[in-house]
Full PDB file with SEQRES, HELIX, SHEET, SSBOND, CRYST1, ORIGX, SCALE, CONECT and MASTER records, all heavy atoms in Angstrom:
SEQRES   1 A   42  ILE ASN TRP TYR THR ARG ARG THR VAL LEU ALA GLY ILE          
SEQRES   2 A   42  TYR ASN THR THR GLU LEU VAL MET MET GLN ASP SER SER          
SEQRES   3 A   42  PRO ASP PHE GLU GLU THR TRP ARG PHE LEU GLU ASN ARG          
SEQRES   4 A   42  ILE ALA ASP                                                  
HELIX    1 AA1 ASN A    2  MET A   22  1                                  21    
HELIX    2 AA2 PRO A   27  PHE A   29  5                                   3    
HELIX    3 AA3 GLU A   30  ALA A   41  1                                  12    
CRYST1    1.000    1.000    1.000  90.00  90.00  90.00 P 1           1          
ORIGX1      1.000000  0.000000  0.000000        0.00000                         
ORIGX2      0.000000  1.000000  0.000000        0.00000                         
ORIGX3      0.000000  0.000000  1.000000        0.00000                         
SCALE1      1.000000  0.000000  0.000000        0.00000                         
SCALE2      0.000000  1.000000  0.000000        0.00000                         
SCALE3      0.000000  0.000000  1.000000        0.00000                         
ATOM      1  N   ILE A   1     117.450  40.554  33.468  1.00  0.00           N  
ATOM      2  CA  ILE A   1     118.856  40.267  33.596  1.00  0.00           C  
ATOM      3  C   ILE A   1     119.396  39.577  32.320  1.00  0.00           C  
ATOM      4  O   ILE A   1     120.595  39.666  32.033  1.00  0.00           O  
ATOM      5  CB  ILE A   1     119.144  39.336  34.835  1.00  0.00           C  
ATOM      6  CG1 ILE A   1     120.608  39.196  35.085  1.00  0.00           C  
ATOM      7  CG2 ILE A   1     118.456  38.000  34.633  1.00  0.00           C  
ATOM      8  CD1 ILE A   1     121.299  40.493  35.471  1.00  0.00           C  
ATOM      9  N   ASN A   2     118.508  38.976  31.567  1.00  0.00           N  
ATOM     10  CA  ASN A   2     118.973  38.281  30.315  1.00  0.00           C  
ATOM     11  C   ASN A   2     119.528  39.283  29.302  1.00  0.00           C  
ATOM     12  O   ASN A   2     120.328  38.922  28.467  1.00  0.00           O  
ATOM     13  CB  ASN A   2     117.793  37.549  29.674  1.00  0.00           C  
ATOM     14  CG  ASN A   2     117.358  36.331  30.524  1.00  0.00           C  
ATOM     15  OD1 ASN A   2     118.178  35.618  31.071  1.00  0.00           O  
ATOM     16  ND2 ASN A   2     116.036  36.131  30.660  1.00  0.00           N  
ATOM     17  N   TRP A   3     119.105  40.533  29.356  1.00  0.00           N  
ATOM     18  CA  TRP A   3     119.609  41.552  28.448  1.00  0.00           C  
ATOM     19  C   TRP A   3     121.120  41.683  28.594  1.00  0.00           C  
ATOM     20  O   TRP A   3     121.849  41.712  27.623  1.00  0.00           O  
ATOM     21  CB  TRP A   3     118.940  42.891  28.752  1.00  0.00           C  
ATOM     22  CG  TRP A   3     119.153  43.964  27.722  1.00  0.00           C  
ATOM     23  CD1 TRP A   3     118.321  44.273  26.712  1.00  0.00           C  
ATOM     24  CD2 TRP A   3     120.243  44.847  27.665  1.00  0.00           C  
ATOM     25  NE1 TRP A   3     118.830  45.321  25.957  1.00  0.00           N  
ATOM     26  CE2 TRP A   3     120.014  45.700  26.542  1.00  0.00           C  
ATOM     27  CE3 TRP A   3     121.398  45.069  28.416  1.00  0.00           C  
ATOM     28  CZ2 TRP A   3     120.928  46.722  26.167  1.00  0.00           C  
ATOM     29  CZ3 TRP A   3     122.276  46.071  28.065  1.00  0.00           C  
ATOM     30  CH2 TRP A   3     122.026  46.879  26.966  1.00  0.00           C  
ATOM     31  N   TYR A   4     121.595  41.672  29.825  1.00  0.00           N  
ATOM     32  CA  TYR A   4     123.019  41.799  30.098  1.00  0.00           C  
ATOM     33  C   TYR A   4     123.748  40.483  29.849  1.00  0.00           C  
ATOM     34  O   TYR A   4     124.839  40.443  29.274  1.00  0.00           O  
ATOM     35  CB  TYR A   4     123.271  42.237  31.527  1.00  0.00           C  
ATOM     36  CG  TYR A   4     122.492  43.488  31.894  1.00  0.00           C  
ATOM     37  CD1 TYR A   4     121.298  43.425  32.554  1.00  0.00           C  
ATOM     38  CD2 TYR A   4     122.973  44.754  31.523  1.00  0.00           C  
ATOM     39  CE1 TYR A   4     120.549  44.550  32.886  1.00  0.00           C  
ATOM     40  CE2 TYR A   4     122.254  45.893  31.833  1.00  0.00           C  
ATOM     41  CZ  TYR A   4     121.049  45.793  32.492  1.00  0.00           C  
ATOM     42  OH  TYR A   4     120.342  46.905  32.796  1.00  0.00           O  
ATOM     43  N   THR A   5     123.128  39.367  30.291  1.00  0.00           N  
ATOM     44  CA  THR A   5     123.784  38.106  30.155  1.00  0.00           C  
ATOM     45  C   THR A   5     124.029  37.748  28.712  1.00  0.00           C  
ATOM     46  O   THR A   5     125.104  37.287  28.356  1.00  0.00           O  
ATOM     47  CB  THR A   5     122.878  37.005  30.798  1.00  0.00           C  
ATOM     48  OG1 THR A   5     122.630  37.349  32.147  1.00  0.00           O  
ATOM     49  CG2 THR A   5     123.571  35.667  30.753  1.00  0.00           C  
ATOM     50  N   ARG A   6     123.038  37.959  27.836  1.00  0.00           N  
ATOM     51  CA  ARG A   6     123.181  37.620  26.440  1.00  0.00           C  
ATOM     52  C   ARG A   6     124.302  38.414  25.773  1.00  0.00           C  
ATOM     53  O   ARG A   6     125.107  37.882  25.015  1.00  0.00           O  
ATOM     54  CB  ARG A   6     121.874  37.860  25.713  1.00  0.00           C  
ATOM     55  CG  ARG A   6     120.794  36.866  26.063  1.00  0.00           C  
ATOM     56  CD  ARG A   6     119.436  37.253  25.508  1.00  0.00           C  
ATOM     57  NE  ARG A   6     118.414  36.278  25.908  1.00  0.00           N  
ATOM     58  CZ  ARG A   6     117.122  36.442  25.688  1.00  0.00           C  
ATOM     59  NH1 ARG A   6     116.696  37.594  25.112  1.00  0.00           N  
ATOM     60  NH2 ARG A   6     116.243  35.516  26.051  1.00  0.00           N  
ATOM     61  N   ARG A   7     124.420  39.660  26.127  1.00  0.00           N  
ATOM     62  CA  ARG A   7     125.451  40.496  25.508  1.00  0.00           C  
ATOM     63  C   ARG A   7     126.831  40.131  26.039  1.00  0.00           C  
ATOM     64  O   ARG A   7     127.823  40.153  25.283  1.00  0.00           O  
ATOM     65  CB  ARG A   7     125.119  41.995  25.756  1.00  0.00           C  
ATOM     66  CG  ARG A   7     124.052  42.471  24.803  1.00  0.00           C  
ATOM     67  CD  ARG A   7     123.224  43.635  25.354  1.00  0.00           C  
ATOM     68  NE  ARG A   7     122.237  44.103  24.402  1.00  0.00           N  
ATOM     69  CZ  ARG A   7     121.099  43.451  24.139  1.00  0.00           C  
ATOM     70  NH1 ARG A   7     120.815  42.367  24.793  1.00  0.00           N  
ATOM     71  NH2 ARG A   7     120.272  43.921  23.251  1.00  0.00           N  
ATOM     72  N   THR A   8     126.931  39.835  27.298  1.00  0.00           N  
ATOM     73  CA  THR A   8     128.179  39.439  27.890  1.00  0.00           C  
ATOM     74  C   THR A   8     128.694  38.129  27.312  1.00  0.00           C  
ATOM     75  O   THR A   8     129.863  37.978  26.992  1.00  0.00           O  
ATOM     76  CB  THR A   8     128.086  39.295  29.404  1.00  0.00           C  
ATOM     77  OG1 THR A   8     127.570  40.571  29.940  1.00  0.00           O  
ATOM     78  CG2 THR A   8     129.419  39.051  30.047  1.00  0.00           C  
ATOM     79  N   VAL A   9     127.777  37.175  27.144  1.00  0.00           N  
ATOM     80  CA  VAL A   9     128.145  35.857  26.583  1.00  0.00           C  
ATOM     81  C   VAL A   9     128.577  36.032  25.136  1.00  0.00           C  
ATOM     82  O   VAL A   9     129.576  35.443  24.716  1.00  0.00           O  
ATOM     83  CB  VAL A   9     126.943  34.891  26.669  1.00  0.00           C  
ATOM     84  CG1 VAL A   9     127.184  33.636  25.844  1.00  0.00           C  
ATOM     85  CG2 VAL A   9     126.653  34.498  28.115  1.00  0.00           C  
ATOM     86  N   LEU A  10     127.866  36.824  24.381  1.00  0.00           N  
ATOM     87  CA  LEU A  10     128.223  37.010  22.966  1.00  0.00           C  
ATOM     88  C   LEU A  10     129.594  37.717  22.849  1.00  0.00           C  
ATOM     89  O   LEU A  10     130.396  37.411  21.950  1.00  0.00           O  
ATOM     90  CB  LEU A  10     127.172  37.825  22.263  1.00  0.00           C  
ATOM     91  CG  LEU A  10     127.305  37.987  20.722  1.00  0.00           C  
ATOM     92  CD1 LEU A  10     127.400  36.617  20.032  1.00  0.00           C  
ATOM     93  CD2 LEU A  10     126.203  38.838  20.124  1.00  0.00           C  
ATOM     94  N   ALA A  11     129.874  38.657  23.743  1.00  0.00           N  
ATOM     95  CA  ALA A  11     131.206  39.327  23.755  1.00  0.00           C  
ATOM     96  C   ALA A  11     132.275  38.308  24.011  1.00  0.00           C  
ATOM     97  O   ALA A  11     133.347  38.347  23.404  1.00  0.00           O  
ATOM     98  CB  ALA A  11     131.214  40.432  24.760  1.00  0.00           C  
ATOM     99  N   GLY A  12     132.025  37.411  24.971  1.00  0.00           N  
ATOM    100  CA  GLY A  12     132.987  36.381  25.250  1.00  0.00           C  
ATOM    101  C   GLY A  12     133.204  35.425  24.088  1.00  0.00           C  
ATOM    102  O   GLY A  12     134.344  35.028  23.750  1.00  0.00           O  
ATOM    103  N   ILE A  13     132.171  35.105  23.415  1.00  0.00           N  
ATOM    104  CA  ILE A  13     132.248  34.205  22.222  1.00  0.00           C  
ATOM    105  C   ILE A  13     133.042  34.895  21.117  1.00  0.00           C  
ATOM    106  O   ILE A  13     133.890  34.285  20.463  1.00  0.00           O  
ATOM    107  CB  ILE A  13     130.852  33.836  21.699  1.00  0.00           C  
ATOM    108  CG1 ILE A  13     130.145  32.884  22.710  1.00  0.00           C  
ATOM    109  CG2 ILE A  13     130.916  33.164  20.311  1.00  0.00           C  
ATOM    110  CD1 ILE A  13     128.708  32.578  22.361  1.00  0.00           C  
ATOM    111  N   TYR A  14     132.762  36.194  20.917  1.00  0.00           N  
ATOM    112  CA  TYR A  14     133.495  36.935  19.903  1.00  0.00           C  
ATOM    113  C   TYR A  14     134.996  36.958  20.176  1.00  0.00           C  
ATOM    114  O   TYR A  14     135.837  36.688  19.295  1.00  0.00           O  
ATOM    115  CB  TYR A  14     132.944  38.349  19.758  1.00  0.00           C  
ATOM    116  CG  TYR A  14     133.701  39.132  18.691  1.00  0.00           C  
ATOM    117  CD1 TYR A  14     133.281  39.125  17.376  1.00  0.00           C  
ATOM    118  CD2 TYR A  14     134.839  39.912  19.031  1.00  0.00           C  
ATOM    119  CE1 TYR A  14     133.959  39.839  16.392  1.00  0.00           C  
ATOM    120  CE2 TYR A  14     135.524  40.574  18.028  1.00  0.00           C  
ATOM    121  CZ  TYR A  14     135.105  40.613  16.746  1.00  0.00           C  
ATOM    122  OH  TYR A  14     135.778  41.251  15.801  1.00  0.00           O  
ATOM    123  N   ASN A  15     135.346  37.278  21.434  1.00  0.00           N  
ATOM    124  CA  ASN A  15     136.732  37.355  21.809  1.00  0.00           C  
ATOM    125  C   ASN A  15     137.490  36.059  21.652  1.00  0.00           C  
ATOM    126  O   ASN A  15     138.630  36.009  21.153  1.00  0.00           O  
ATOM    127  CB  ASN A  15     136.868  37.910  23.222  1.00  0.00           C  
ATOM    128  CG  ASN A  15     136.684  39.418  23.349  1.00  0.00           C  
ATOM    129  OD1 ASN A  15     136.906  40.143  22.363  1.00  0.00           O  
ATOM    130  ND2 ASN A  15     136.268  39.897  24.464  1.00  0.00           N  
ATOM    131  N   THR A  16     136.876  34.982  22.142  1.00  0.00           N  
ATOM    132  CA  THR A  16     137.558  33.667  22.093  1.00  0.00           C  
ATOM    133  C   THR A  16     137.660  33.187  20.647  1.00  0.00           C  
ATOM    134  O   THR A  16     138.688  32.616  20.266  1.00  0.00           O  
ATOM    135  CB  THR A  16     136.813  32.636  22.920  1.00  0.00           C  
ATOM    136  OG1 THR A  16     135.448  32.606  22.539  1.00  0.00           O  
ATOM    137  CG2 THR A  16     136.894  32.959  24.388  1.00  0.00           C  
ATOM    138  N   THR A  17     136.660  33.452  19.821  1.00  0.00           N  
ATOM    139  CA  THR A  17     136.728  33.048  18.433  1.00  0.00           C  
ATOM    140  C   THR A  17     137.796  33.868  17.691  1.00  0.00           C  
ATOM    141  O   THR A  17     138.505  33.366  16.795  1.00  0.00           O  
ATOM    142  CB  THR A  17     135.367  33.262  17.713  1.00  0.00           C  
ATOM    143  OG1 THR A  17     134.334  32.557  18.483  1.00  0.00           O  
ATOM    144  CG2 THR A  17     135.357  32.701  16.316  1.00  0.00           C  
ATOM    145  N   GLU A  18     137.891  35.123  18.037  1.00  0.00           N  
ATOM    146  CA  GLU A  18     138.970  35.998  17.455  1.00  0.00           C  
ATOM    147  C   GLU A  18     140.346  35.418  17.747  1.00  0.00           C  
ATOM    148  O   GLU A  18     141.242  35.382  16.871  1.00  0.00           O  
ATOM    149  CB  GLU A  18     138.852  37.402  18.016  1.00  0.00           C  
ATOM    150  CG  GLU A  18     139.817  38.399  17.489  1.00  0.00           C  
ATOM    151  CD  GLU A  18     139.702  39.716  18.175  1.00  0.00           C  
ATOM    152  OE1 GLU A  18     139.533  39.776  19.415  1.00  0.00           O  
ATOM    153  OE2 GLU A  18     139.712  40.745  17.461  1.00  0.00           O  
ATOM    154  N   LEU A  19     140.542  34.961  18.997  1.00  0.00           N  
ATOM    155  CA  LEU A  19     141.830  34.402  19.370  1.00  0.00           C  
ATOM    156  C   LEU A  19     142.114  33.068  18.624  1.00  0.00           C  
ATOM    157  O   LEU A  19     143.263  32.812  18.213  1.00  0.00           O  
ATOM    158  CB  LEU A  19     141.841  34.160  20.881  1.00  0.00           C  
ATOM    159  CG  LEU A  19     141.817  35.429  21.743  1.00  0.00           C  
ATOM    160  CD1 LEU A  19     141.556  35.044  23.198  1.00  0.00           C  
ATOM    161  CD2 LEU A  19     143.081  36.208  21.595  1.00  0.00           C  
ATOM    162  N   VAL A  20     141.079  32.277  18.432  1.00  0.00           N  
ATOM    163  CA  VAL A  20     141.255  31.038  17.656  1.00  0.00           C  
ATOM    164  C   VAL A  20     141.613  31.395  16.217  1.00  0.00           C  
ATOM    165  O   VAL A  20     142.514  30.777  15.595  1.00  0.00           O  
ATOM    166  CB  VAL A  20     139.947  30.206  17.685  1.00  0.00           C  
ATOM    167  CG1 VAL A  20     140.009  29.054  16.695  1.00  0.00           C  
ATOM    168  CG2 VAL A  20     139.695  29.634  19.098  1.00  0.00           C  
ATOM    169  N   MET A  21     140.947  32.402  15.684  1.00  0.00           N  
ATOM    170  CA  MET A  21     141.198  32.802  14.278  1.00  0.00           C  
ATOM    171  C   MET A  21     142.667  33.212  14.048  1.00  0.00           C  
ATOM    172  O   MET A  21     143.228  32.925  12.987  1.00  0.00           O  
ATOM    173  CB  MET A  21     140.259  33.962  13.928  1.00  0.00           C  
ATOM    174  CG  MET A  21     140.326  34.391  12.514  1.00  0.00           C  
ATOM    175  SD  MET A  21     139.162  35.814  12.211  1.00  0.00           S  
ATOM    176  CE  MET A  21     139.347  35.988  10.426  1.00  0.00           C  
ATOM    177  N   MET A  22     143.277  33.896  15.010  1.00  0.00           N  
ATOM    178  CA  MET A  22     144.629  34.380  14.854  1.00  0.00           C  
ATOM    179  C   MET A  22     145.639  33.216  14.735  1.00  0.00           C  
ATOM    180  O   MET A  22     146.763  33.375  14.267  1.00  0.00           O  
ATOM    181  CB  MET A  22     144.990  35.322  15.987  1.00  0.00           C  
ATOM    182  CG  MET A  22     144.311  36.693  15.877  1.00  0.00           C  
ATOM    183  SD  MET A  22     144.930  37.876  17.097  1.00  0.00           S  
ATOM    184  CE  MET A  22     144.234  37.223  18.577  1.00  0.00           C  
ATOM    185  N   GLN A  23     145.257  32.028  15.240  1.00  0.00           N  
ATOM    186  CA  GLN A  23     146.126  30.882  15.204  1.00  0.00           C  
ATOM    187  C   GLN A  23     145.683  29.800  14.231  1.00  0.00           C  
ATOM    188  O   GLN A  23     146.264  28.740  14.181  1.00  0.00           O  
ATOM    189  CB  GLN A  23     146.221  30.294  16.618  1.00  0.00           C  
ATOM    190  CG  GLN A  23     146.659  31.298  17.666  1.00  0.00           C  
ATOM    191  CD  GLN A  23     146.591  30.780  19.083  1.00  0.00           C  
ATOM    192  OE1 GLN A  23     147.427  29.925  19.454  1.00  0.00           O  
ATOM    193  NE2 GLN A  23     145.639  31.167  19.882  1.00  0.00           N  
ATOM    194  N   ASP A  24     144.637  30.105  13.450  1.00  0.00           N  
ATOM    195  CA  ASP A  24     144.047  29.123  12.561  1.00  0.00           C  
ATOM    196  C   ASP A  24     144.739  29.139  11.199  1.00  0.00           C  
ATOM    197  O   ASP A  24     144.813  30.185  10.549  1.00  0.00           O  
ATOM    198  CB  ASP A  24     142.550  29.449  12.393  1.00  0.00           C  
ATOM    199  CG  ASP A  24     141.820  28.397  11.573  1.00  0.00           C  
ATOM    200  OD1 ASP A  24     142.455  27.372  11.199  1.00  0.00           O  
ATOM    201  OD2 ASP A  24     140.606  28.547  11.358  1.00  0.00           O  
ATOM    202  N   SER A  25     145.237  27.985  10.780  1.00  0.00           N  
ATOM    203  CA  SER A  25     145.910  27.868   9.487  1.00  0.00           C  
ATOM    204  C   SER A  25     145.105  27.025   8.497  1.00  0.00           C  
ATOM    205  O   SER A  25     145.604  26.712   7.418  1.00  0.00           O  
ATOM    206  CB  SER A  25     147.330  27.307   9.666  1.00  0.00           C  
ATOM    207  OG  SER A  25     147.234  26.008  10.282  1.00  0.00           O  
ATOM    208  N   SER A  26     143.863  26.680   8.856  1.00  0.00           N  
ATOM    209  CA  SER A  26     143.017  25.854   8.002  1.00  0.00           C  
ATOM    210  C   SER A  26     142.509  26.692   6.820  1.00  0.00           C  
ATOM    211  O   SER A  26     142.480  27.936   6.885  1.00  0.00           O  
ATOM    212  CB  SER A  26     141.849  25.288   8.776  1.00  0.00           C  
ATOM    213  OG  SER A  26     141.013  26.307   9.253  1.00  0.00           O  
ATOM    214  N   PRO A  27     142.144  26.066   5.695  1.00  0.00           N  
ATOM    215  CA  PRO A  27     141.666  26.782   4.530  1.00  0.00           C  
ATOM    216  C   PRO A  27     140.399  27.618   4.864  1.00  0.00           C  
ATOM    217  O   PRO A  27     139.462  27.126   5.462  1.00  0.00           O  
ATOM    218  CB  PRO A  27     141.302  25.695   3.520  1.00  0.00           C  
ATOM    219  CG  PRO A  27     142.097  24.483   3.955  1.00  0.00           C  
ATOM    220  CD  PRO A  27     142.201  24.610   5.441  1.00  0.00           C  
ATOM    221  N   ASP A  28     140.444  28.891   4.499  1.00  0.00           N  
ATOM    222  CA  ASP A  28     139.358  29.822   4.774  1.00  0.00           C  
ATOM    223  C   ASP A  28     138.917  29.851   6.188  1.00  0.00           C  
ATOM    224  O   ASP A  28     137.747  30.071   6.500  1.00  0.00           O  
ATOM    225  CB  ASP A  28     138.167  29.482   3.840  1.00  0.00           C  
ATOM    226  CG  ASP A  28     137.128  30.588   3.778  1.00  0.00           C  
ATOM    227  OD1 ASP A  28     137.496  31.771   3.845  1.00  0.00           O  
ATOM    228  OD2 ASP A  28     135.945  30.292   3.750  1.00  0.00           O  
ATOM    229  N   PHE A  29     139.820  29.514   7.101  1.00  0.00           N  
ATOM    230  CA  PHE A  29     139.558  29.587   8.555  1.00  0.00           C  
ATOM    231  C   PHE A  29     138.375  28.650   8.962  1.00  0.00           C  
ATOM    232  O   PHE A  29     137.530  28.986   9.760  1.00  0.00           O  
ATOM    233  CB  PHE A  29     139.257  30.997   9.010  1.00  0.00           C  
ATOM    234  CG  PHE A  29     140.396  31.974   8.761  1.00  0.00           C  
ATOM    235  CD1 PHE A  29     140.423  32.709   7.570  1.00  0.00           C  
ATOM    236  CD2 PHE A  29     141.430  32.091   9.652  1.00  0.00           C  
ATOM    237  CE1 PHE A  29     141.483  33.567   7.308  1.00  0.00           C  
ATOM    238  CE2 PHE A  29     142.470  32.954   9.430  1.00  0.00           C  
ATOM    239  CZ  PHE A  29     142.498  33.690   8.281  1.00  0.00           C  
ATOM    240  N   GLU A  30     138.345  27.494   8.323  1.00  0.00           N  
ATOM    241  CA  GLU A  30     137.262  26.520   8.614  1.00  0.00           C  
ATOM    242  C   GLU A  30     137.182  26.149  10.070  1.00  0.00           C  
ATOM    243  O   GLU A  30     136.084  26.014  10.619  1.00  0.00           O  
ATOM    244  CB  GLU A  30     137.476  25.271   7.736  1.00  0.00           C  
ATOM    245  CG  GLU A  30     137.260  25.508   6.238  1.00  0.00           C  
ATOM    246  CD  GLU A  30     137.602  24.277   5.434  1.00  0.00           C  
ATOM    247  OE1 GLU A  30     137.982  23.236   6.057  1.00  0.00           O  
ATOM    248  OE2 GLU A  30     137.448  24.290   4.195  1.00  0.00           O  
ATOM    249  N   GLU A  31     138.333  25.944  10.690  1.00  0.00           N  
ATOM    250  CA  GLU A  31     138.339  25.569  12.119  1.00  0.00           C  
ATOM    251  C   GLU A  31     137.725  26.674  12.983  1.00  0.00           C  
ATOM    252  O   GLU A  31     137.074  26.431  13.976  1.00  0.00           O  
ATOM    253  CB  GLU A  31     139.810  25.251  12.562  1.00  0.00           C  
ATOM    254  CG  GLU A  31     140.393  23.998  11.931  1.00  0.00           C  
ATOM    255  CD  GLU A  31     139.639  22.761  12.303  1.00  0.00           C  
ATOM    256  OE1 GLU A  31     139.080  22.704  13.445  1.00  0.00           O  
ATOM    257  OE2 GLU A  31     139.597  21.815  11.494  1.00  0.00           O  
ATOM    258  N   THR A  32     137.992  27.925  12.619  1.00  0.00           N  
ATOM    259  CA  THR A  32     137.428  29.058  13.363  1.00  0.00           C  
ATOM    260  C   THR A  32     135.919  29.037  13.287  1.00  0.00           C  
ATOM    261  O   THR A  32     135.252  29.204  14.299  1.00  0.00           O  
ATOM    262  CB  THR A  32     137.984  30.388  12.792  1.00  0.00           C  
ATOM    263  OG1 THR A  32     139.427  30.416  12.966  1.00  0.00           O  
ATOM    264  CG2 THR A  32     137.370  31.595  13.496  1.00  0.00           C  
ATOM    265  N   TRP A  33     135.367  28.851  12.094  1.00  0.00           N  
ATOM    266  CA  TRP A  33     133.940  28.884  11.971  1.00  0.00           C  
ATOM    267  C   TRP A  33     133.241  27.703  12.632  1.00  0.00           C  
ATOM    268  O   TRP A  33     132.140  27.827  13.146  1.00  0.00           O  
ATOM    269  CB  TRP A  33     133.522  28.952  10.477  1.00  0.00           C  
ATOM    270  CG  TRP A  33     134.312  29.978   9.715  1.00  0.00           C  
ATOM    271  CD1 TRP A  33     134.860  29.814   8.480  1.00  0.00           C  
ATOM    272  CD2 TRP A  33     134.636  31.324  10.100  1.00  0.00           C  
ATOM    273  NE1 TRP A  33     135.520  30.962   8.056  1.00  0.00           N  
ATOM    274  CE2 TRP A  33     135.390  31.884   9.045  1.00  0.00           C  
ATOM    275  CE3 TRP A  33     134.394  32.100  11.216  1.00  0.00           C  
ATOM    276  CZ2 TRP A  33     135.884  33.202   9.095  1.00  0.00           C  
ATOM    277  CZ3 TRP A  33     134.865  33.384  11.302  1.00  0.00           C  
ATOM    278  CH2 TRP A  33     135.602  33.923  10.217  1.00  0.00           C  
ATOM    279  N   ARG A  34     133.959  26.586  12.685  1.00  0.00           N  
ATOM    280  CA  ARG A  34     133.401  25.398  13.360  1.00  0.00           C  
ATOM    281  C   ARG A  34     133.402  25.721  14.898  1.00  0.00           C  
ATOM    282  O   ARG A  34     132.437  25.368  15.577  1.00  0.00           O  
ATOM    283  CB  ARG A  34     134.259  24.179  13.094  1.00  0.00           C  
ATOM    284  CG  ARG A  34     133.690  22.893  13.646  1.00  0.00           C  
ATOM    285  CD  ARG A  34     134.482  21.659  13.231  1.00  0.00           C  
ATOM    286  NE  ARG A  34     134.464  21.511  11.783  1.00  0.00           N  
ATOM    287  CZ  ARG A  34     135.504  21.700  10.977  1.00  0.00           C  
ATOM    288  NH1 ARG A  34     136.702  22.052  11.518  1.00  0.00           N  
ATOM    289  NH2 ARG A  34     135.425  21.519   9.681  1.00  0.00           N  
ATOM    290  N   PHE A  35     134.474  26.300  15.385  1.00  0.00           N  
ATOM    291  CA  PHE A  35     134.532  26.670  16.803  1.00  0.00           C  
ATOM    292  C   PHE A  35     133.394  27.647  17.139  1.00  0.00           C  
ATOM    293  O   PHE A  35     132.722  27.513  18.146  1.00  0.00           O  
ATOM    294  CB  PHE A  35     135.910  27.282  17.109  1.00  0.00           C  
ATOM    295  CG  PHE A  35     136.046  27.838  18.484  1.00  0.00           C  
ATOM    296  CD1 PHE A  35     136.437  27.016  19.554  1.00  0.00           C  
ATOM    297  CD2 PHE A  35     135.745  29.176  18.755  1.00  0.00           C  
ATOM    298  CE1 PHE A  35     136.571  27.502  20.844  1.00  0.00           C  
ATOM    299  CE2 PHE A  35     135.856  29.693  20.034  1.00  0.00           C  
ATOM    300  CZ  PHE A  35     136.292  28.820  21.087  1.00  0.00           C  
ATOM    301  N   LEU A  36     133.182  28.608  16.242  1.00  0.00           N  
ATOM    302  CA  LEU A  36     132.173  29.634  16.462  1.00  0.00           C  
ATOM    303  C   LEU A  36     130.801  28.983  16.489  1.00  0.00           C  
ATOM    304  O   LEU A  36     129.950  29.316  17.392  1.00  0.00           O  
ATOM    305  CB  LEU A  36     132.207  30.666  15.349  1.00  0.00           C  
ATOM    306  CG  LEU A  36     131.065  31.689  15.258  1.00  0.00           C  
ATOM    307  CD1 LEU A  36     130.975  32.517  16.571  1.00  0.00           C  
ATOM    308  CD2 LEU A  36     131.217  32.575  14.073  1.00  0.00           C  
ATOM    309  N   GLU A  37     130.529  28.076  15.583  1.00  0.00           N  
ATOM    310  CA  GLU A  37     129.221  27.420  15.555  1.00  0.00           C  
ATOM    311  C   GLU A  37     128.956  26.650  16.817  1.00  0.00           C  
ATOM    312  O   GLU A  37     127.825  26.692  17.349  1.00  0.00           O  
ATOM    313  CB  GLU A  37     129.158  26.520  14.320  1.00  0.00           C  
ATOM    314  CG  GLU A  37     127.802  25.906  14.096  1.00  0.00           C  
ATOM    315  CD  GLU A  37     127.684  25.143  12.792  1.00  0.00           C  
ATOM    316  OE1 GLU A  37     128.726  25.013  12.082  1.00  0.00           O  
ATOM    317  OE2 GLU A  37     126.593  24.725  12.423  1.00  0.00           O  
ATOM    318  N   ASN A  38     129.969  25.970  17.328  1.00  0.00           N  
ATOM    319  CA  ASN A  38     129.800  25.203  18.555  1.00  0.00           C  
ATOM    320  C   ASN A  38     129.539  26.093  19.754  1.00  0.00           C  
ATOM    321  O   ASN A  38     128.738  25.782  20.649  1.00  0.00           O  
ATOM    322  CB  ASN A  38     131.015  24.313  18.802  1.00  0.00           C  
ATOM    323  CG  ASN A  38     131.164  23.208  17.776  1.00  0.00           C  
ATOM    324  OD1 ASN A  38     130.162  22.779  17.191  1.00  0.00           O  
ATOM    325  ND2 ASN A  38     132.383  22.742  17.564  1.00  0.00           N  
ATOM    326  N   ARG A  39     130.243  27.218  19.830  1.00  0.00           N  
ATOM    327  CA  ARG A  39     130.040  28.137  20.974  1.00  0.00           C  
ATOM    328  C   ARG A  39     128.643  28.754  20.904  1.00  0.00           C  
ATOM    329  O   ARG A  39     128.017  28.953  21.957  1.00  0.00           O  
ATOM    330  CB  ARG A  39     131.108  29.213  20.960  1.00  0.00           C  
ATOM    331  CG  ARG A  39     132.536  28.751  21.055  1.00  0.00           C  
ATOM    332  CD  ARG A  39     132.874  28.141  22.409  1.00  0.00           C  
ATOM    333  NE  ARG A  39     132.325  26.834  22.613  1.00  0.00           N  
ATOM    334  CZ  ARG A  39     132.810  25.686  22.023  1.00  0.00           C  
ATOM    335  NH1 ARG A  39     133.828  25.741  21.213  1.00  0.00           N  
ATOM    336  NH2 ARG A  39     132.258  24.533  22.308  1.00  0.00           N  
ATOM    337  N   ILE A  40     128.194  29.131  19.738  1.00  0.00           N  
ATOM    338  CA  ILE A  40     126.847  29.701  19.613  1.00  0.00           C  
ATOM    339  C   ILE A  40     125.782  28.666  20.012  1.00  0.00           C  
ATOM    340  O   ILE A  40     124.825  28.984  20.750  1.00  0.00           O  
ATOM    341  CB  ILE A  40     126.555  30.196  18.166  1.00  0.00           C  
ATOM    342  CG1 ILE A  40     127.450  31.384  17.833  1.00  0.00           C  
ATOM    343  CG2 ILE A  40     125.083  30.546  17.990  1.00  0.00           C  
ATOM    344  CD1 ILE A  40     127.090  32.655  18.585  1.00  0.00           C  
ATOM    345  N   ALA A  41     125.997  27.419  19.610  1.00  0.00           N  
ATOM    346  CA  ALA A  41     125.053  26.315  19.965  1.00  0.00           C  
ATOM    347  C   ALA A  41     125.054  26.135  21.488  1.00  0.00           C  
ATOM    348  O   ALA A  41     123.952  25.936  22.072  1.00  0.00           O  
ATOM    349  CB  ALA A  41     125.485  25.075  19.260  1.00  0.00           C  
ATOM    350  N   ASP A  42     126.212  26.171  22.086  1.00  0.00           N  
ATOM    351  CA  ASP A  42     126.264  26.035  23.544  1.00  0.00           C  
ATOM    352  C   ASP A  42     125.519  27.177  24.251  1.00  0.00           C  
ATOM    353  O   ASP A  42     124.809  26.937  25.237  1.00  0.00           O  
ATOM    354  CB  ASP A  42     127.714  26.055  24.018  1.00  0.00           C  
ATOM    355  CG  ASP A  42     128.475  24.780  23.600  1.00  0.00           C  
ATOM    356  OD1 ASP A  42     127.796  23.776  23.240  1.00  0.00           O  
ATOM    357  OD2 ASP A  42     129.711  24.828  23.588  1.00  0.00           O  
TER     358      ASP A  42                                                      
MASTER        0    0    0    3    0    0    0    6  357    1    0    4          
END                                                                             
């Protein structure tokens, strides 16, 4: 079951990070990459 779970979680992380990116005005999207790093760690 982990095969599906891992892919579903990663898809969710990609989508939410994409949404953060569209509203990010920080230099070189620093806030987006910080958000991504935290979600991957979680």
